Amino acid sequence: MATLTTPYSRKNPFPATLLVNRKLNLEGSEKETRHFEFSLAGSGLVYEVGDSMGVFPHNNPKLVDELLQALHFSGDEQVKNKEGETFSMREGLFKHFHITQPSKQFLEAVVSKSHGAGVLAGLMHPDRKNELERYLWGLEIIDFLLDHPSIRFTPEEFVATLRKLQPRLYSIASSIRAFPEQVHFLIVSVRYQSHGREREGVASTYLADRVPESARIPMFVHVAKGFRLPEDSATPIIMVGPGTGVAPFRAYLHDRKQTGAAGKNWLFFGEQRYHCDYFYKEEFEAMQREGVLHRFDLAFSRDQAQKVYVQHRMLEKSREIYAWLEEGAHFYVCGDAARMAKDVDVALHQIVEKEGAKTPEAAAEYIEAMKKAKRYKRDVY
């Protein structure tokens, strides 16, 4: 696809208009996963499927108010960021600074100003990094301020301990060929409880709760050349994308449909429950009927006593997967890095070992060769 010149970039993001914010989970789900559509009309922005989009969020104004109260600030104090821009403390906490997870500088300031801060002081030793991480899980800046009400910061001291509020990268769930001048996302709203307080993901709840329809959100294209479709459109692809990991594969399928790609497409999708967590059901089933989605395997982990995940479905279809790999198929994984991607990798090694009658070492070499040939691609987080 030809790249158009556009003035928009990370340093000068395009204000995209929100068109759709729709919850995909039905009643009975334990999750809140949303489909978003934004207009890129007039931007000149072009992306390829597999790319991500950087989205600039704002912090929750309720948390901003709580911080100002705990700090004994009015919010009108003038402060500067590291780039030398000046704004009010309230605007800084709302738009410019990361105000949830504490920085090392903030923790050091708490220890210094509270004459030791008990447990925290001991955990700041470099040798106790893992213990510190466990201690900090689910704790935010506000917790330390409320737990140490005698601590006082000047506005300048406080903002000096804060990191910059960074854009969040989201996998693009649409093809610009199928949806011209639009970009779609599939985002789970992060909400949880810890230490007796409700917590939330900064960007996911900003988009879910606090962006009115037709509002404009700054965003930019983040190119991901390592997660592209095969150059030869006749190449088969196998896609493993449970949960929101299915986002780029929705984009791939729409793109392959639009270009009339001859390559076969196989999707593994998983979630908790068929009746309430089956995202894009109508779309995917229509693609099956149209012959765009040649193989489609589902894994709903909570619909039976024993949990079933995408890697279990892969092992059930091991002969067919190996046959596709021998035909030159590209293998894609998107989603959770901590568990799912590791389990899928183990399953892939088992499949190659079993169906190729290989030793574990030879199976590992086979998969390493796939990686070198850019046939095994992962977008994990």
Protein backbone atom coordinates (compact mmCIF):
# COMPACT_ATOMS: atom_id res chain seq x y z
CA MET A 1 0.00 0.00 0.00
CA ALA A 2 1.45 3.39 -0.93
CA THR A 3 2.41 5.57 1.98
CA LEU A 4 0.84 9.01 1.88
CA THR A 5 2.68 11.95 3.33
CA THR A 6 0.93 13.08 6.46
CA PRO A 7 1.89 15.72 9.02
CA TYR A 8 0.74 13.41 11.83
CA SER A 9 3.11 11.40 14.01
CA ARG A 10 3.77 10.52 17.66
CA LYS A 11 4.99 14.11 18.22
CA ASN A 12 2.02 15.51 16.34
CA PRO A 13 -0.83 12.98 16.80
CA PHE A 14 -4.04 13.12 14.76
CA PRO A 15 -7.25 13.94 16.71
CA ALA A 16 -9.40 10.97 15.60
CA THR A 17 -13.17 11.14 16.14
CA LEU A 18 -14.87 8.40 18.16
CA LEU A 19 -17.61 6.76 16.09
CA VAL A 20 -18.46 3.56 18.04
CA ASN A 21 -17.91 2.35 21.61
CA ARG A 22 -19.71 -0.99 21.99
CA LYS A 23 -19.46 -3.60 24.74
CA LEU A 24 -19.09 -7.05 23.17
CA ASN A 25 -19.63 -9.29 26.22
CA LEU A 26 -23.21 -10.30 26.88
CA GLU A 27 -24.94 -10.85 30.23
CA GLY A 28 -23.20 -13.47 32.35
CA SER A 29 -19.66 -12.49 31.39
CA GLU A 30 -16.98 -11.74 33.98
CA LYS A 31 -15.23 -9.37 31.58
CA GLU A 32 -15.81 -6.04 29.89
CA THR A 33 -14.38 -6.07 26.37
CA ARG A 34 -15.19 -3.24 23.99
CA HIS A 35 -15.10 -2.63 20.24
CA PHE A 36 -14.10 0.92 19.27
CA GLU A 37 -14.22 2.62 15.88
CA PHE A 38 -12.52 5.94 15.13
CA SER A 39 -12.59 8.12 12.03
CA LEU A 40 -9.25 9.01 10.44
CA ALA A 41 -10.94 11.15 7.75
CA GLY A 42 -8.71 13.99 6.59
CA SER A 43 -5.61 12.67 8.34
CA GLY A 44 -3.81 11.01 5.44
CA LEU A 45 -2.85 8.29 7.94
CA VAL A 46 -2.27 4.88 6.40
CA TYR A 47 -1.57 1.66 8.28
CA GLU A 48 -0.98 -1.97 7.39
CA VAL A 49 -2.73 -4.83 9.14
CA GLY A 50 -0.46 -5.98 11.97
CA ASP A 51 0.39 -2.40 12.96
CA SER A 52 -0.63 -0.82 16.26
CA MET A 53 -2.00 2.60 17.07
CA GLY A 54 -0.69 4.83 19.83
CA VAL A 55 -3.51 6.45 21.84
CA PHE A 56 -2.95 9.34 24.27
CA PRO A 57 -5.21 8.93 27.35
CA HIS A 58 -6.16 11.27 30.20
CA ASN A 59 -6.18 10.29 33.87
CA ASN A 60 -9.37 9.89 35.88
CA PRO A 61 -10.40 13.34 37.24
CA LYS A 62 -11.63 11.68 40.47
CA LEU A 63 -8.13 10.36 41.16
CA VAL A 64 -6.70 13.79 40.32
CA ASP A 65 -9.00 15.35 42.94
CA GLU A 66 -7.98 12.74 45.53
CA LEU A 67 -4.29 13.39 44.91
CA LEU A 68 -4.72 17.17 45.17
CA GLN A 69 -6.56 16.76 48.47
CA ALA A 70 -3.93 14.37 49.89
CA LEU A 71 -1.14 16.73 48.80
CA HIS A 72 -2.92 19.84 50.18
CA PHE A 73 -2.70 21.51 46.74
CA SER A 74 -5.39 23.73 45.19
CA GLY A 75 -4.62 22.51 41.67
CA ASP A 76 -3.89 26.07 40.48
CA GLU A 77 -0.15 25.85 41.29
CA GLN A 78 1.99 26.35 38.18
CA VAL A 79 4.40 23.50 37.42
CA LYS A 80 6.74 22.49 34.59
CA ASN A 81 7.42 19.17 32.93
CA LYS A 82 10.88 18.00 31.78
CA GLU A 83 10.25 19.56 28.35
CA GLY A 84 9.86 22.96 30.01
CA GLU A 85 6.12 23.34 29.34
CA THR A 86 4.18 25.17 32.09
CA PHE A 87 0.63 24.33 33.18
CA SER A 88 -1.47 24.12 36.32
CA MET A 89 -0.96 21.24 38.72
CA ARG A 90 -4.51 20.01 37.96
CA GLU A 91 -3.87 19.96 34.20
CA GLY A 92 -0.52 18.26 34.76
CA LEU A 93 -2.06 15.48 36.83
CA PHE A 94 -4.92 15.11 34.36
CA LYS A 95 -3.03 15.14 31.05
CA HIS A 96 0.76 15.07 31.40
CA PHE A 97 1.91 12.84 34.28
CA HIS A 98 1.59 9.16 35.13
CA ILE A 99 -0.24 9.21 38.49
CA THR A 100 -0.91 5.56 39.36
CA GLN A 101 2.17 3.32 39.74
CA PRO A 102 4.85 5.03 41.88
CA SER A 103 8.28 5.77 40.40
CA LYS A 104 11.55 4.94 42.16
CA GLN A 105 12.01 8.70 42.75
CA PHE A 106 8.60 8.93 44.44
CA LEU A 107 9.34 5.94 46.71
CA GLU A 108 12.73 7.42 47.66
CA ALA A 109 11.02 10.72 48.50
CA VAL A 110 8.47 8.91 50.71
CA VAL A 111 11.27 7.12 52.59
CA SER A 112 13.22 10.35 52.99
CA LYS A 113 10.25 12.49 54.11
CA SER A 114 8.77 9.90 56.49
CA HIS A 115 12.09 9.20 58.20
CA GLY A 116 12.32 5.63 57.01
CA ALA A 117 8.74 4.62 56.07
CA GLY A 118 9.24 1.30 57.87
CA VAL A 119 9.05 -1.70 55.53
CA LEU A 120 9.54 0.35 52.36
CA ALA A 121 12.99 1.63 53.38
CA GLY A 122 14.35 -1.92 53.72
CA LEU A 123 12.84 -3.04 50.42
CA MET A 124 14.53 -0.23 48.48
CA HIS A 125 17.86 -2.11 48.66
CA PRO A 126 18.94 -3.25 45.14
CA ASP A 127 19.19 -6.89 46.30
CA ARG A 128 15.49 -6.92 47.26
CA LYS A 129 14.07 -5.89 43.88
CA ASN A 130 11.73 -8.90 43.61
CA GLU A 131 10.42 -8.41 47.16
CA LEU A 132 9.81 -4.73 46.40
CA GLU A 133 7.82 -5.65 43.26
CA ARG A 134 5.62 -8.03 45.26
CA TYR A 135 5.08 -5.39 47.96
CA LEU A 136 4.13 -2.75 45.37
CA TRP A 137 1.61 -4.93 43.52
CA GLY A 138 -1.75 -3.15 43.55
CA LEU A 139 -0.36 -0.10 45.38
CA GLU A 140 -0.53 3.37 43.81
CA ILE A 141 0.82 6.83 44.60
CA ILE A 142 -2.41 7.76 46.39
CA ASP A 143 -1.95 4.86 48.88
CA PHE A 144 1.43 6.15 50.05
CA LEU A 145 0.10 9.70 50.45
CA LEU A 146 -2.91 8.50 52.48
CA ASP A 147 -0.74 6.16 54.60
CA HIS A 148 1.72 8.97 55.42
CA PRO A 149 -0.48 12.05 55.95
CA SER A 150 2.33 13.97 57.64
CA ILE A 151 4.44 14.01 54.45
CA ARG A 152 4.52 17.34 52.65
CA PHE A 153 5.66 18.01 49.10
CA THR A 154 6.08 21.33 47.33
CA PRO A 155 4.44 21.25 43.86
CA GLU A 156 7.89 21.23 42.22
CA GLU A 157 9.12 18.37 44.42
CA PHE A 158 6.07 16.26 43.68
CA VAL A 159 6.08 16.61 39.88
CA ALA A 160 9.83 15.90 39.86
CA THR A 161 9.00 12.37 41.11
CA LEU A 162 6.42 11.70 38.37
CA ARG A 163 6.97 10.02 35.03
CA LYS A 164 5.45 11.27 31.81
CA LEU A 165 2.01 9.88 30.87
CA GLN A 166 2.80 7.71 27.84
CA PRO A 167 0.54 6.75 24.94
CA ARG A 168 -0.85 3.21 24.99
CA LEU A 169 -0.30 0.96 21.96
CA TYR A 170 -3.28 -1.07 20.78
CA SER A 171 -3.29 -3.72 18.04
CA ILE A 172 -5.36 -2.51 15.10
CA ALA A 173 -8.47 -4.67 14.61
CA SER A 174 -9.39 -3.38 11.14
CA SER A 175 -8.14 -3.26 7.55
CA ILE A 176 -8.08 0.14 5.90
CA ARG A 177 -9.07 -1.63 2.67
CA ALA A 178 -12.29 -2.88 4.29
CA PHE A 179 -12.93 0.23 6.41
CA PRO A 180 -11.44 3.25 4.56
CA GLU A 181 -10.38 6.17 6.78
CA GLN A 182 -11.22 4.23 9.95
CA VAL A 183 -9.36 2.35 12.67
CA HIS A 184 -10.92 -0.22 15.01
CA PHE A 185 -9.72 -1.55 18.39
CA LEU A 186 -10.66 -4.44 20.67
CA ILE A 187 -9.86 -3.46 24.28
CA VAL A 188 -10.60 -5.09 27.62
CA SER A 189 -11.48 -2.55 30.34
CA VAL A 190 -9.06 -3.16 33.22
CA ARG A 191 -10.82 -2.93 36.58
CA TYR A 192 -9.84 -4.67 39.82
CA GLN A 193 -9.70 -4.27 43.60
CA SER A 194 -6.56 -4.14 45.72
CA HIS A 195 -5.85 -2.97 49.27
CA GLY A 196 -9.52 -2.08 49.69
CA ARG A 197 -9.65 0.30 46.72
CA GLU A 198 -11.12 0.09 43.22
CA ARG A 199 -8.34 0.28 40.58
CA GLU A 200 -8.52 0.78 36.85
CA GLY A 201 -6.37 0.77 33.74
CA VAL A 202 -5.65 4.35 32.72
CA ALA A 203 -6.30 4.15 28.98
CA SER A 204 -8.83 1.30 28.82
CA THR A 205 -11.26 2.96 31.26
CA TYR A 206 -10.61 6.41 29.76
CA LEU A 207 -11.86 5.09 26.40
CA ALA A 208 -14.65 3.00 27.95
CA ASP A 209 -16.08 5.55 30.40
CA ARG A 210 -14.90 9.08 29.78
CA VAL A 211 -14.82 9.74 26.03
CA PRO A 212 -18.15 11.06 24.72
CA GLU A 213 -19.27 10.12 21.20
CA SER A 214 -17.72 12.39 18.54
CA ALA A 215 -14.90 13.36 20.94
CA ARG A 216 -11.46 13.57 19.34
CA ILE A 217 -8.61 11.43 20.69
CA PRO A 218 -4.96 12.05 19.69
CA MET A 219 -3.40 8.99 18.04
CA PHE A 220 -0.61 7.91 15.69
CA VAL A 221 0.39 4.83 13.68
CA HIS A 222 3.01 2.56 15.27
CA VAL A 223 4.53 0.48 12.46
CA ALA A 224 5.09 -3.21 13.29
CA LYS A 225 7.00 -4.65 10.32
CA GLY A 226 7.62 -7.88 12.24
CA PHE A 227 3.90 -8.77 12.33
CA ARG A 228 2.91 -8.49 8.68
CA LEU A 229 0.93 -10.82 6.45
CA PRO A 230 3.07 -12.97 4.10
CA GLU A 231 4.29 -11.10 1.01
CA ASP A 232 2.91 -13.90 -1.16
CA SER A 233 -0.85 -13.76 -0.65
CA ALA A 234 -1.17 -17.44 -1.65
CA THR A 235 0.67 -18.44 1.56
CA PRO A 236 -1.56 -20.14 4.16
CA ILE A 237 -1.70 -18.59 7.65
CA ILE A 238 -2.49 -20.04 11.08
CA MET A 239 -3.57 -17.45 13.68
CA VAL A 240 -3.80 -18.04 17.44
CA GLY A 241 -5.54 -15.13 19.16
CA PRO A 242 -7.56 -15.71 22.33
CA GLY A 243 -9.34 -12.79 23.99
CA THR A 244 -8.31 -9.38 22.67
CA GLY A 245 -5.44 -11.18 20.90
CA VAL A 246 -7.91 -11.81 18.07
CA ALA A 247 -7.80 -8.08 17.14
CA PRO A 248 -5.07 -8.21 14.46
CA PHE A 249 -6.52 -11.43 13.02
CA ARG A 250 -9.89 -9.79 12.45
CA ALA A 251 -7.85 -7.22 10.49
CA TYR A 252 -5.94 -9.94 8.58
CA LEU A 253 -9.15 -11.72 7.56
CA HIS A 254 -10.85 -8.54 6.36
CA ASP A 255 -7.69 -7.64 4.43
CA ARG A 256 -7.31 -11.07 2.80
CA LYS A 257 -10.99 -10.96 1.85
CA GLN A 258 -10.63 -7.51 0.25
CA THR A 259 -7.52 -8.45 -1.74
CA GLY A 260 -8.91 -11.84 -2.78
CA ALA A 261 -5.85 -13.56 -1.32
CA ALA A 262 -5.65 -17.22 -2.39
CA GLY A 263 -3.94 -18.36 0.82
CA LYS A 264 -5.93 -20.47 3.29
CA ASN A 265 -6.75 -18.96 6.71
CA TRP A 266 -7.04 -20.87 10.02
CA LEU A 267 -8.04 -19.10 13.24
CA PHE A 268 -7.88 -20.38 16.82
CA PHE A 269 -9.95 -18.17 19.16
CA GLY A 270 -10.60 -18.68 22.85
CA GLU A 271 -12.40 -16.95 25.70
CA GLN A 272 -14.28 -17.91 28.86
CA ARG A 273 -17.87 -18.64 27.74
CA TYR A 274 -19.47 -19.29 24.36
CA HIS A 275 -22.77 -17.58 25.14
CA CYS A 276 -21.34 -14.27 26.36
CA ASP A 277 -17.66 -13.97 25.34
CA TYR A 278 -17.69 -14.97 21.66
CA PHE A 279 -16.45 -11.75 19.98
CA TYR A 280 -17.30 -11.07 16.32
CA LYS A 281 -19.29 -14.35 16.11
CA GLU A 282 -21.44 -13.22 13.17
CA GLU A 283 -18.45 -11.81 11.27
CA PHE A 284 -16.29 -14.90 11.67
CA GLU A 285 -19.12 -17.31 10.86
CA ALA A 286 -19.99 -15.28 7.74
CA MET A 287 -16.31 -15.50 6.69
CA GLN A 288 -16.52 -19.29 7.13
CA ARG A 289 -19.58 -19.44 4.85
CA GLU A 290 -17.88 -17.19 2.29
CA GLY A 291 -14.79 -19.42 2.20
CA VAL A 292 -12.47 -16.73 3.63
CA LEU A 293 -11.98 -18.56 6.95
CA HIS A 294 -11.07 -22.11 5.96
CA ARG A 295 -10.55 -23.56 9.45
CA PHE A 296 -11.94 -22.14 12.70
CA ASP A 297 -11.36 -23.64 16.14
CA LEU A 298 -12.88 -22.35 19.38
CA ALA A 299 -11.83 -22.89 22.99
CA PHE A 300 -14.18 -21.66 25.73
CA SER A 301 -12.39 -22.40 29.00
CA ARG A 302 -15.32 -22.18 31.45
CA ASP A 303 -17.98 -24.08 29.48
CA GLN A 304 -16.96 -27.48 30.91
CA ALA A 305 -15.48 -28.84 34.14
CA GLN A 306 -11.98 -29.11 32.67
CA LYS A 307 -10.57 -25.84 31.30
CA VAL A 308 -9.92 -25.92 27.55
CA TYR A 309 -7.56 -23.37 25.99
CA VAL A 310 -6.33 -22.65 22.46
CA GLN A 311 -3.21 -24.81 22.92
CA HIS A 312 -5.45 -27.83 23.68
CA ARG A 313 -7.35 -27.25 20.40
CA MET A 314 -3.99 -27.03 18.59
CA LEU A 315 -2.89 -30.41 19.98
CA GLU A 316 -6.21 -31.95 18.87
CA LYS A 317 -5.49 -30.76 15.31
CA SER A 318 -1.76 -31.52 15.37
CA ARG A 319 -1.66 -33.53 12.11
CA GLU A 320 -3.43 -30.81 10.11
CA ILE A 321 -1.32 -28.02 11.66
CA TYR A 322 1.90 -29.83 10.75
CA ALA A 323 0.61 -30.40 7.20
CA TRP A 324 -0.05 -26.66 6.86
CA LEU A 325 3.43 -25.85 8.22
CA GLU A 326 4.96 -28.26 5.68
CA GLU A 327 3.02 -26.37 2.97
CA GLY A 328 4.83 -23.19 4.13
CA ALA A 329 2.13 -21.69 6.37
CA HIS A 330 3.03 -18.68 8.52
CA PHE A 331 2.17 -19.10 12.22
CA TYR A 332 0.96 -16.07 14.23
CA VAL A 333 0.31 -15.61 17.96
CA CYS A 334 -1.16 -12.51 19.61
CA GLY A 335 -2.11 -11.87 23.23
CA ASP A 336 -0.93 -12.69 26.73
CA ALA A 337 2.85 -13.16 26.91
CA ALA A 338 3.02 -14.50 30.49
CA ARG A 339 1.06 -17.73 30.00
CA MET A 340 -0.81 -18.16 26.72
CA ALA A 341 2.07 -17.47 24.31
CA LYS A 342 4.38 -19.80 26.27
CA ASP A 343 1.76 -22.58 26.31
CA VAL A 344 1.14 -22.16 22.57
CA ASP A 345 4.89 -22.35 21.91
CA VAL A 346 5.18 -25.57 23.96
CA ALA A 347 2.22 -27.05 22.00
CA LEU A 348 3.82 -26.07 18.68
CA HIS A 349 7.06 -27.84 19.66
CA GLN A 350 5.06 -30.94 20.66
CA ILE A 351 3.18 -30.91 17.33
CA VAL A 352 6.35 -30.68 15.24
CA GLU A 353 8.03 -33.38 17.35
CA LYS A 354 5.09 -35.80 17.11
CA GLU A 355 3.89 -35.28 13.55
CA GLY A 356 7.38 -34.82 12.08
CA ALA A 357 8.76 -37.82 14.03
CA LYS A 358 11.54 -35.57 15.33
CA THR A 359 13.60 -35.46 18.48
CA PRO A 360 12.93 -32.47 20.79
CA GLU A 361 16.18 -30.92 19.50
CA ALA A 362 15.19 -31.38 15.85
CA ALA A 363 11.71 -29.93 16.55
CA ALA A 364 13.36 -26.90 18.18
CA GLU A 365 15.60 -26.49 15.10
CA TYR A 366 12.52 -26.69 12.81
CA ILE A 367 10.78 -23.93 14.76
CA GLU A 368 13.96 -21.84 14.93
CA ALA A 369 14.17 -22.10 11.12
CA MET A 370 10.55 -20.88 10.92
CA LYS A 371 11.49 -17.84 13.03
CA LYS A 372 14.51 -17.07 10.84
CA ALA A 373 12.33 -17.31 7.74
CA LYS A 374 9.86 -14.93 9.46
CA ARG A 375 7.17 -17.62 9.38
CA TYR A 376 6.60 -17.64 13.19
CA LYS A 377 5.50 -14.20 14.36
CA ARG A 378 4.35 -13.07 17.79
CA ASP A 379 2.71 -9.88 19.06
CA VAL A 380 2.55 -10.53 22.79
CA TYR A 381 2.14 -8.24 25.78
